Amino acid sequence: MYVIFRWWKISLRNELRESRPGEIKESQKDFLDDSSLHIQIAIVFGAKVLEHVLNLCRGNYDFLERLPVPLLLHIISFLELEDIARLSQVSRRFEMICNSNALWEIIVESLCDTITPEMKELAQEMGWKQFFFTNRLQLQLQLQRRRQKQDAQNKKVTE
């Protein structure tokens, strides 16, 4: 397998308009040893792309890190809670995903039979993860307090 680095010079100058594309083609082993090419790739494409190409050449494939967030949310929503807690310790990205409201909303909606609009509002207010781990009695008390608060506000408006 080879690493191929191609480039085109784009310019408004007349003398550069006729320039041909350039190409460097190296084996993976040679590429791993070519620090000057690493610098060029980092400058043009950024450190993340360079790191990814180096990992590919070394045989280190981390497909999970490269998956889009919506797909990861779907996959993670099938894990056990203990596994989600462990996954959140793998990297900052997974910590953010595993603690996100989006994930916990999916989990709550998949595990609960009925979620009323009032419950949904409370979950959005307190956070879906907090909502999930709050016991039913506490949730009922919080919903009751919200109703009382809304009733009091409605009375003020009508007066």
N, C-alpha and C. Protein backbone atom coordinates (compact mmCIF):
# COMPACT_ATOMS: atom_id res chain seq x y z
N MET A 1 0.84 -1.18 0.00
CA MET A 1 0.00 0.00 0.00
C MET A 1 0.89 1.25 0.00
N TYR A 2 0.33 2.29 -0.60
CA TYR A 2 1.08 3.53 -0.74
C TYR A 2 0.32 4.69 -0.14
N VAL A 3 1.07 5.71 0.23
CA VAL A 3 0.51 7.00 0.60
C VAL A 3 0.82 7.92 -0.57
N ILE A 4 -0.23 8.52 -1.12
CA ILE A 4 -0.05 9.40 -2.28
C ILE A 4 -0.47 10.80 -1.88
N PHE A 5 0.43 11.73 -2.06
CA PHE A 5 0.19 13.14 -1.74
C PHE A 5 0.22 13.92 -3.04
N ARG A 6 -0.93 14.47 -3.44
CA ARG A 6 -1.03 15.23 -4.70
C ARG A 6 -1.36 16.68 -4.39
N TRP A 7 -0.86 17.56 -5.24
CA TRP A 7 -1.18 18.97 -5.05
C TRP A 7 -1.24 19.68 -6.39
N TRP A 8 -2.02 20.76 -6.38
CA TRP A 8 -2.16 21.61 -7.55
C TRP A 8 -1.90 23.03 -7.11
N LYS A 9 -1.17 23.75 -7.91
CA LYS A 9 -0.93 25.16 -7.63
C LYS A 9 -1.99 25.96 -8.35
N ILE A 10 -2.71 26.74 -7.59
CA ILE A 10 -3.75 27.57 -8.17
C ILE A 10 -3.33 29.02 -7.96
N SER A 11 -3.25 29.77 -9.05
CA SER A 11 -2.78 31.14 -8.94
C SER A 11 -3.35 31.98 -10.07
N LEU A 12 -3.43 33.26 -9.82
CA LEU A 12 -3.85 34.21 -10.86
C LEU A 12 -2.65 34.67 -11.70
N ARG A 13 -1.45 34.37 -11.24
CA ARG A 13 -0.24 34.76 -11.97
C ARG A 13 -0.12 33.94 -13.26
N ASN A 14 0.26 34.61 -14.32
CA ASN A 14 0.41 33.94 -15.62
C ASN A 14 1.48 32.86 -15.59
N GLU A 15 2.60 33.12 -14.91
CA GLU A 15 3.71 32.17 -14.93
C GLU A 15 3.38 30.85 -14.19
N LEU A 16 2.40 30.88 -13.29
CA LEU A 16 2.04 29.66 -12.54
C LEU A 16 0.83 28.94 -13.12
N ARG A 17 0.17 29.57 -14.08
CA ARG A 17 -1.04 28.97 -14.65
C ARG A 17 -0.77 27.66 -15.38
N GLU A 18 0.40 27.54 -15.94
CA GLU A 18 0.74 26.37 -16.74
C GLU A 18 1.40 25.26 -15.91
N SER A 19 1.54 25.46 -14.60
CA SER A 19 2.24 24.45 -13.79
C SER A 19 1.40 23.19 -13.67
N ARG A 20 2.08 22.07 -13.68
CA ARG A 20 1.45 20.76 -13.61
C ARG A 20 1.24 20.35 -12.15
N PRO A 21 0.27 19.47 -11.93
CA PRO A 21 0.10 18.96 -10.56
C PRO A 21 1.33 18.17 -10.12
N GLY A 22 1.58 18.21 -8.82
CA GLY A 22 2.70 17.45 -8.26
C GLY A 22 2.19 16.23 -7.53
N GLU A 23 3.10 15.25 -7.37
CA GLU A 23 2.70 14.03 -6.68
C GLU A 23 3.90 13.41 -5.99
N ILE A 24 3.66 12.96 -4.76
CA ILE A 24 4.65 12.15 -4.05
C ILE A 24 3.96 10.84 -3.71
N LYS A 25 4.61 9.74 -4.07
CA LYS A 25 4.04 8.41 -3.80
C LYS A 25 5.09 7.62 -3.03
N GLU A 26 4.72 7.25 -1.77
CA GLU A 26 5.67 6.52 -0.93
C GLU A 26 4.97 5.31 -0.33
N SER A 27 5.77 4.29 -0.04
CA SER A 27 5.21 3.15 0.68
C SER A 27 4.86 3.62 2.09
N GLN A 28 4.04 2.87 2.78
CA GLN A 28 3.66 3.26 4.14
C GLN A 28 4.87 3.34 5.05
N LYS A 29 5.80 2.41 4.89
CA LYS A 29 7.00 2.41 5.72
C LYS A 29 7.84 3.67 5.46
N ASP A 30 8.04 4.01 4.18
CA ASP A 30 8.80 5.22 3.84
C ASP A 30 8.08 6.48 4.33
N PHE A 31 6.77 6.47 4.22
CA PHE A 31 6.01 7.62 4.67
C PHE A 31 6.19 7.84 6.17
N LEU A 32 6.18 6.76 6.93
CA LEU A 32 6.33 6.88 8.38
C LEU A 32 7.68 7.50 8.76
N ASP A 33 8.69 7.32 7.92
CA ASP A 33 10.03 7.85 8.19
C ASP A 33 10.26 9.25 7.59
N ASP A 34 9.33 9.75 6.78
CA ASP A 34 9.52 11.02 6.06
C ASP A 34 8.93 12.19 6.84
N SER A 35 9.71 12.74 7.75
CA SER A 35 9.21 13.83 8.61
C SER A 35 8.92 15.11 7.83
N SER A 36 9.64 15.35 6.73
CA SER A 36 9.37 16.57 5.95
C SER A 36 7.98 16.50 5.30
N LEU A 37 7.59 15.32 4.86
CA LEU A 37 6.25 15.15 4.29
C LEU A 37 5.19 15.29 5.38
N HIS A 38 5.50 14.81 6.59
CA HIS A 38 4.57 14.98 7.72
C HIS A 38 4.29 16.46 7.96
N ILE A 39 5.34 17.26 7.92
CA ILE A 39 5.19 18.70 8.15
C ILE A 39 4.30 19.32 7.07
N GLN A 40 4.54 18.94 5.81
CA GLN A 40 3.74 19.48 4.71
C GLN A 40 2.26 19.11 4.88
N ILE A 41 1.99 17.88 5.24
CA ILE A 41 0.60 17.43 5.41
C ILE A 41 -0.04 18.17 6.58
N ALA A 42 0.69 18.35 7.66
CA ALA A 42 0.16 19.06 8.82
C ALA A 42 -0.17 20.51 8.47
N ILE A 43 0.68 21.13 7.67
CA ILE A 43 0.45 22.53 7.27
C ILE A 43 -0.78 22.64 6.38
N VAL A 44 -0.89 21.74 5.40
CA VAL A 44 -1.99 21.82 4.43
C VAL A 44 -3.31 21.31 5.00
N PHE A 45 -3.28 20.16 5.66
CA PHE A 45 -4.52 19.50 6.08
C PHE A 45 -4.79 19.58 7.58
N GLY A 46 -3.77 19.87 8.37
CA GLY A 46 -3.95 19.96 9.81
C GLY A 46 -3.43 18.72 10.54
N ALA A 47 -3.23 18.89 11.83
CA ALA A 47 -2.63 17.84 12.66
C ALA A 47 -3.52 16.60 12.77
N LYS A 48 -4.84 16.79 12.78
CA LYS A 48 -5.74 15.63 12.92
C LYS A 48 -5.65 14.70 11.71
N VAL A 49 -5.58 15.28 10.52
CA VAL A 49 -5.47 14.46 9.31
C VAL A 49 -4.13 13.73 9.30
N LEU A 50 -3.06 14.46 9.66
CA LEU A 50 -1.75 13.81 9.73
C LEU A 50 -1.78 12.65 10.72
N GLU A 51 -2.33 12.87 11.88
CA GLU A 51 -2.41 11.82 12.90
C GLU A 51 -3.20 10.62 12.37
N HIS A 52 -4.30 10.90 11.68
CA HIS A 52 -5.13 9.82 11.13
C HIS A 52 -4.35 9.00 10.09
N VAL A 53 -3.65 9.67 9.19
CA VAL A 53 -2.88 8.97 8.15
C VAL A 53 -1.75 8.15 8.79
N LEU A 54 -1.08 8.72 9.77
CA LEU A 54 -0.02 7.98 10.46
C LEU A 54 -0.57 6.74 11.14
N ASN A 55 -1.71 6.88 11.79
CA ASN A 55 -2.34 5.72 12.44
C ASN A 55 -2.75 4.66 11.44
N LEU A 56 -3.26 5.07 10.29
CA LEU A 56 -3.61 4.10 9.25
C LEU A 56 -2.38 3.33 8.79
N CYS A 57 -1.28 4.06 8.59
CA CYS A 57 -0.04 3.41 8.15
C CYS A 57 0.50 2.45 9.20
N ARG A 58 0.26 2.74 10.46
CA ARG A 58 0.73 1.87 11.55
C ARG A 58 -0.22 0.72 11.82
N GLY A 59 -1.39 0.75 11.17
CA GLY A 59 -2.37 -0.30 11.39
C GLY A 59 -3.30 -0.03 12.55
N ASN A 60 -3.31 1.20 13.06
CA ASN A 60 -4.19 1.57 14.17
C ASN A 60 -5.45 2.22 13.61
N TYR A 61 -6.52 1.49 13.60
CA TYR A 61 -7.78 2.01 13.07
C TYR A 61 -8.73 2.23 14.24
N ASP A 62 -9.21 3.42 14.41
CA ASP A 62 -10.18 3.72 15.46
C ASP A 62 -11.45 4.20 14.77
N PHE A 63 -12.24 3.22 14.34
CA PHE A 63 -13.44 3.55 13.58
C PHE A 63 -14.47 4.27 14.44
N LEU A 64 -14.57 3.92 15.72
CA LEU A 64 -15.57 4.56 16.58
C LEU A 64 -15.35 6.06 16.69
N GLU A 65 -14.11 6.48 16.82
CA GLU A 65 -13.82 7.91 16.95
C GLU A 65 -14.24 8.69 15.71
N ARG A 66 -14.31 8.05 14.58
CA ARG A 66 -14.59 8.75 13.33
C ARG A 66 -16.07 8.70 12.94
N LEU A 67 -16.88 7.94 13.68
CA LEU A 67 -18.30 7.86 13.35
C LEU A 67 -19.01 9.17 13.70
N PRO A 68 -20.02 9.54 12.94
CA PRO A 68 -20.77 10.75 13.26
C PRO A 68 -21.56 10.59 14.56
N VAL A 69 -21.76 11.70 15.26
CA VAL A 69 -22.43 11.69 16.57
C VAL A 69 -23.81 11.04 16.52
N PRO A 70 -24.68 11.36 15.55
CA PRO A 70 -26.00 10.71 15.56
C PRO A 70 -25.93 9.18 15.52
N LEU A 71 -24.99 8.65 14.76
CA LEU A 71 -24.83 7.20 14.70
C LEU A 71 -24.31 6.66 16.04
N LEU A 72 -23.35 7.35 16.64
CA LEU A 72 -22.84 6.94 17.95
C LEU A 72 -23.94 6.97 19.01
N LEU A 73 -24.79 8.00 18.97
CA LEU A 73 -25.90 8.09 19.92
C LEU A 73 -26.81 6.87 19.80
N HIS A 74 -27.09 6.50 18.57
CA HIS A 74 -27.95 5.34 18.34
C HIS A 74 -27.31 4.07 18.88
N ILE A 75 -26.04 3.87 18.60
CA ILE A 75 -25.33 2.68 19.06
C ILE A 75 -25.24 2.64 20.58
N ILE A 76 -24.83 3.76 21.18
CA ILE A 76 -24.63 3.82 22.63
C ILE A 76 -25.95 3.62 23.38
N SER A 77 -27.05 4.02 22.77
CA SER A 77 -28.35 3.90 23.46
C SER A 77 -28.72 2.44 23.73
N PHE A 78 -28.07 1.49 23.08
CA PHE A 78 -28.34 0.07 23.31
C PHE A 78 -27.45 -0.53 24.41
N LEU A 79 -26.47 0.22 24.89
CA LEU A 79 -25.56 -0.29 25.91
C LEU A 79 -26.21 -0.30 27.28
N GLU A 80 -25.67 -1.13 28.17
CA GLU A 80 -26.09 -1.13 29.56
C GLU A 80 -25.54 0.14 30.22
N LEU A 81 -26.18 0.59 31.28
CA LEU A 81 -25.77 1.83 31.95
C LEU A 81 -24.31 1.77 32.42
N GLU A 82 -23.91 0.63 32.93
CA GLU A 82 -22.53 0.46 33.40
C GLU A 82 -21.54 0.61 32.24
N ASP A 83 -21.91 0.11 31.07
CA ASP A 83 -21.03 0.23 29.90
C ASP A 83 -20.97 1.67 29.40
N ILE A 84 -22.08 2.38 29.51
CA ILE A 84 -22.08 3.80 29.12
C ILE A 84 -21.15 4.57 30.04
N ALA A 85 -21.18 4.27 31.34
CA ALA A 85 -20.30 4.93 32.30
C ALA A 85 -18.83 4.65 31.96
N ARG A 86 -18.52 3.42 31.59
CA ARG A 86 -17.14 3.07 31.21
C ARG A 86 -16.72 3.76 29.92
N LEU A 87 -17.62 3.77 28.95
CA LEU A 87 -17.32 4.41 27.67
C LEU A 87 -17.06 5.90 27.84
N SER A 88 -17.74 6.52 28.78
CA SER A 88 -17.55 7.96 29.00
C SER A 88 -16.15 8.28 29.49
N GLN A 89 -15.41 7.29 29.94
CA GLN A 89 -14.05 7.51 30.44
C GLN A 89 -12.98 7.28 29.37
N VAL A 90 -13.40 6.90 28.16
CA VAL A 90 -12.45 6.58 27.09
C VAL A 90 -11.78 7.82 26.52
N SER A 91 -12.56 8.86 26.28
CA SER A 91 -12.01 10.09 25.69
C SER A 91 -12.95 11.24 26.00
N ARG A 92 -12.47 12.45 25.73
CA ARG A 92 -13.33 13.63 25.97
C ARG A 92 -14.57 13.58 25.08
N ARG A 93 -14.37 13.14 23.84
CA ARG A 93 -15.49 13.08 22.91
C ARG A 93 -16.57 12.13 23.44
N PHE A 94 -16.16 10.94 23.89
CA PHE A 94 -17.14 9.99 24.41
C PHE A 94 -17.73 10.46 25.74
N GLU A 95 -16.96 11.19 26.52
CA GLU A 95 -17.51 11.74 27.76
C GLU A 95 -18.65 12.72 27.44
N MET A 96 -18.41 13.58 26.45
CA MET A 96 -19.44 14.54 26.06
C MET A 96 -20.68 13.83 25.51
N ILE A 97 -20.47 12.82 24.68
CA ILE A 97 -21.58 12.10 24.07
C ILE A 97 -22.36 11.32 25.13
N CYS A 98 -21.64 10.61 26.01
CA CYS A 98 -22.29 9.77 27.02
C CYS A 98 -23.03 10.57 28.08
N ASN A 99 -22.69 11.83 28.24
CA ASN A 99 -23.37 12.68 29.21
C ASN A 99 -24.32 13.68 28.55
N SER A 100 -24.50 13.55 27.25
CA SER A 100 -25.31 14.53 26.51
C SER A 100 -26.80 14.33 26.75
N ASN A 101 -27.53 15.42 26.69
CA ASN A 101 -28.99 15.36 26.79
C ASN A 101 -29.58 14.52 25.67
N ALA A 102 -28.96 14.60 24.49
CA ALA A 102 -29.49 13.85 23.34
C ALA A 102 -29.50 12.35 23.62
N LEU A 103 -28.41 11.82 24.18
CA LEU A 103 -28.35 10.39 24.49
C LEU A 103 -29.37 10.01 25.55
N TRP A 104 -29.43 10.78 26.61
CA TRP A 104 -30.32 10.43 27.71
C TRP A 104 -31.78 10.61 27.35
N GLU A 105 -32.06 11.51 26.44
CA GLU A 105 -33.44 11.63 25.94
C GLU A 105 -33.83 10.35 25.20
N ILE A 106 -32.93 9.84 24.36
CA ILE A 106 -33.19 8.59 23.64
C ILE A 106 -33.40 7.44 24.63
N ILE A 107 -32.54 7.37 25.64
CA ILE A 107 -32.63 6.29 26.63
C ILE A 107 -33.95 6.37 27.39
N VAL A 108 -34.29 7.56 27.87
CA VAL A 108 -35.54 7.73 28.64
C VAL A 108 -36.74 7.37 27.77
N GLU A 109 -36.77 7.87 26.55
CA GLU A 109 -37.91 7.60 25.68
C GLU A 109 -38.02 6.12 25.31
N SER A 110 -36.88 5.42 25.25
CA SER A 110 -36.95 3.99 24.92
C SER A 110 -37.37 3.14 26.12
N LEU A 111 -37.12 3.62 27.33
CA LEU A 111 -37.43 2.84 28.52
C LEU A 111 -38.77 3.19 29.17
N CYS A 112 -39.27 4.38 28.92
CA CYS A 112 -40.52 4.81 29.55
C CYS A 112 -41.69 4.56 28.60
N ASP A 113 -42.78 4.10 29.18
CA ASP A 113 -43.97 3.85 28.37
C ASP A 113 -44.58 5.16 27.88
N THR A 114 -44.74 6.10 28.79
CA THR A 114 -45.40 7.36 28.45
C THR A 114 -44.60 8.53 29.01
N ILE A 115 -44.37 9.51 28.17
CA ILE A 115 -43.74 10.75 28.63
C ILE A 115 -44.68 11.88 28.24
N THR A 116 -45.26 12.49 29.25
CA THR A 116 -46.20 13.59 29.00
C THR A 116 -45.42 14.83 28.60
N PRO A 117 -46.07 15.78 27.96
CA PRO A 117 -45.39 17.03 27.63
C PRO A 117 -44.83 17.73 28.87
N GLU A 118 -45.54 17.59 29.98
CA GLU A 118 -45.09 18.19 31.24
C GLU A 118 -43.79 17.53 31.72
N MET A 119 -43.73 16.21 31.60
CA MET A 119 -42.52 15.48 31.98
C MET A 119 -41.36 15.86 31.05
N LYS A 120 -41.66 16.04 29.78
CA LYS A 120 -40.63 16.41 28.81
C LYS A 120 -40.05 17.79 29.14
N GLU A 121 -40.93 18.72 29.50
CA GLU A 121 -40.48 20.05 29.90
C GLU A 121 -39.57 19.99 31.11
N LEU A 122 -39.98 19.20 32.11
CA LEU A 122 -39.17 19.04 33.32
C LEU A 122 -37.82 18.42 32.98
N ALA A 123 -37.80 17.42 32.12
CA ALA A 123 -36.55 16.77 31.72
C ALA A 123 -35.63 17.75 31.00
N GLN A 124 -36.18 18.58 30.15
CA GLN A 124 -35.37 19.56 29.44
C GLN A 124 -34.83 20.62 30.39
N GLU A 125 -35.62 20.93 31.40
CA GLU A 125 -35.22 21.92 32.39
C GLU A 125 -34.10 21.39 33.29
N MET A 126 -34.25 20.16 33.77
CA MET A 126 -33.27 19.61 34.71
C MET A 126 -32.18 18.78 34.04
N GLY A 127 -32.35 18.45 32.79
CA GLY A 127 -31.41 17.61 32.07
C GLY A 127 -31.92 16.18 32.03
N TRP A 128 -31.84 15.55 30.87
CA TRP A 128 -32.40 14.21 30.68
C TRP A 128 -31.71 13.16 31.54
N LYS A 129 -30.42 13.29 31.74
CA LYS A 129 -29.70 12.32 32.56
C LYS A 129 -30.16 12.41 34.01
N GLN A 130 -30.26 13.63 34.51
CA GLN A 130 -30.74 13.85 35.88
C GLN A 130 -32.17 13.33 36.01
N PHE A 131 -32.98 13.59 35.01
CA PHE A 131 -34.36 13.13 34.99
C PHE A 131 -34.40 11.60 35.08
N PHE A 132 -33.54 10.93 34.32
CA PHE A 132 -33.50 9.47 34.30
C PHE A 132 -33.16 8.90 35.67
N PHE A 133 -32.19 9.51 36.36
CA PHE A 133 -31.72 8.96 37.62
C PHE A 133 -32.50 9.46 38.83
N THR A 134 -33.45 10.35 38.63
CA THR A 134 -34.28 10.81 39.73
C THR A 134 -35.39 9.79 39.95
N ASN A 135 -35.61 9.42 41.22
CA ASN A 135 -36.63 8.38 41.46
C ASN A 135 -38.04 8.95 41.23
N ARG A 136 -38.98 8.06 41.07
CA ARG A 136 -40.34 8.46 40.69
C ARG A 136 -41.00 9.39 41.69
N LEU A 137 -40.79 9.13 42.98
CA LEU A 137 -41.41 9.97 44.01
C LEU A 137 -40.90 11.40 43.90
N GLN A 138 -39.60 11.57 43.72
CA GLN A 138 -39.04 12.91 43.56
C GLN A 138 -39.57 13.58 42.30
N LEU A 139 -39.69 12.81 41.22
CA LEU A 139 -40.24 13.38 39.98
C LEU A 139 -41.68 13.84 40.17
N GLN A 140 -42.48 13.03 40.87
CA GLN A 140 -43.87 13.41 41.13
C GLN A 140 -43.94 14.69 41.94
N LEU A 141 -43.06 14.81 42.95
CA LEU A 141 -43.03 16.04 43.76
C LEU A 141 -42.63 17.24 42.91
N GLN A 142 -41.63 17.07 42.06
CA GLN A 142 -41.19 18.17 41.21
C GLN A 142 -42.28 18.57 40.21
N LEU A 143 -42.96 17.59 39.65
CA LEU A 143 -44.06 17.90 38.72
C LEU A 143 -45.18 18.63 39.45
N GLN A 144 -45.46 18.19 40.67
CA GLN A 144 -46.52 18.85 41.46
C GLN A 144 -46.14 20.30 41.77
N ARG A 145 -44.88 20.54 42.13
CA ARG A 145 -44.41 21.91 42.39
C ARG A 145 -44.50 22.76 41.13
N ARG A 146 -44.15 22.20 39.99
CA ARG A 146 -44.25 22.94 38.72
C ARG A 146 -45.70 23.33 38.44
N ARG A 147 -46.63 22.40 38.66
CA ARG A 147 -48.05 22.68 38.44
C ARG A 147 -48.51 23.81 39.36
N GLN A 148 -48.12 23.75 40.64
CA GLN A 148 -48.51 24.78 41.59
C GLN A 148 -47.94 26.14 41.18
N LYS A 149 -46.69 26.14 40.74
CA LYS A 149 -46.05 27.38 40.30
C LYS A 149 -46.75 27.96 39.08
N GLN A 150 -47.09 27.07 38.12
CA GLN A 150 -47.80 27.53 36.92
C GLN A 150 -49.20 28.03 37.26
N ASP A 151 -49.88 27.35 38.19
CA ASP A 151 -51.21 27.79 38.61
C ASP A 151 -51.14 29.17 39.26
N ALA A 152 -50.11 29.39 40.08
CA ALA A 152 -49.94 30.68 40.73
C ALA A 152 -49.66 31.78 39.70
N GLN A 153 -48.86 31.47 38.69
CA GLN A 153 -48.57 32.44 37.64
C GLN A 153 -49.81 32.73 36.81
N ASN A 154 -50.60 31.71 36.54
CA ASN A 154 -51.83 31.90 35.78
C ASN A 154 -52.84 32.75 36.53
N LYS A 155 -52.89 32.60 37.87
CA LYS A 155 -53.79 33.42 38.69
C LYS A 155 -53.38 34.87 38.63
N LYS A 156 -52.06 35.13 38.69
CA LYS A 156 -51.56 36.50 38.62
C LYS A 156 -51.92 37.15 37.29
N VAL A 157 -51.83 36.38 36.23
CA VAL A 157 -52.15 36.90 34.89
C VAL A 157 -53.62 37.23 34.76
N THR A 158 -54.48 36.41 35.32
CA THR A 158 -55.93 36.64 35.20
C THR A 158 -56.43 37.75 36.11
N GLU A 159 -55.67 38.07 37.16
CA GLU A 159 -56.13 39.12 38.09
C GLU A 159 -55.89 40.49 37.58
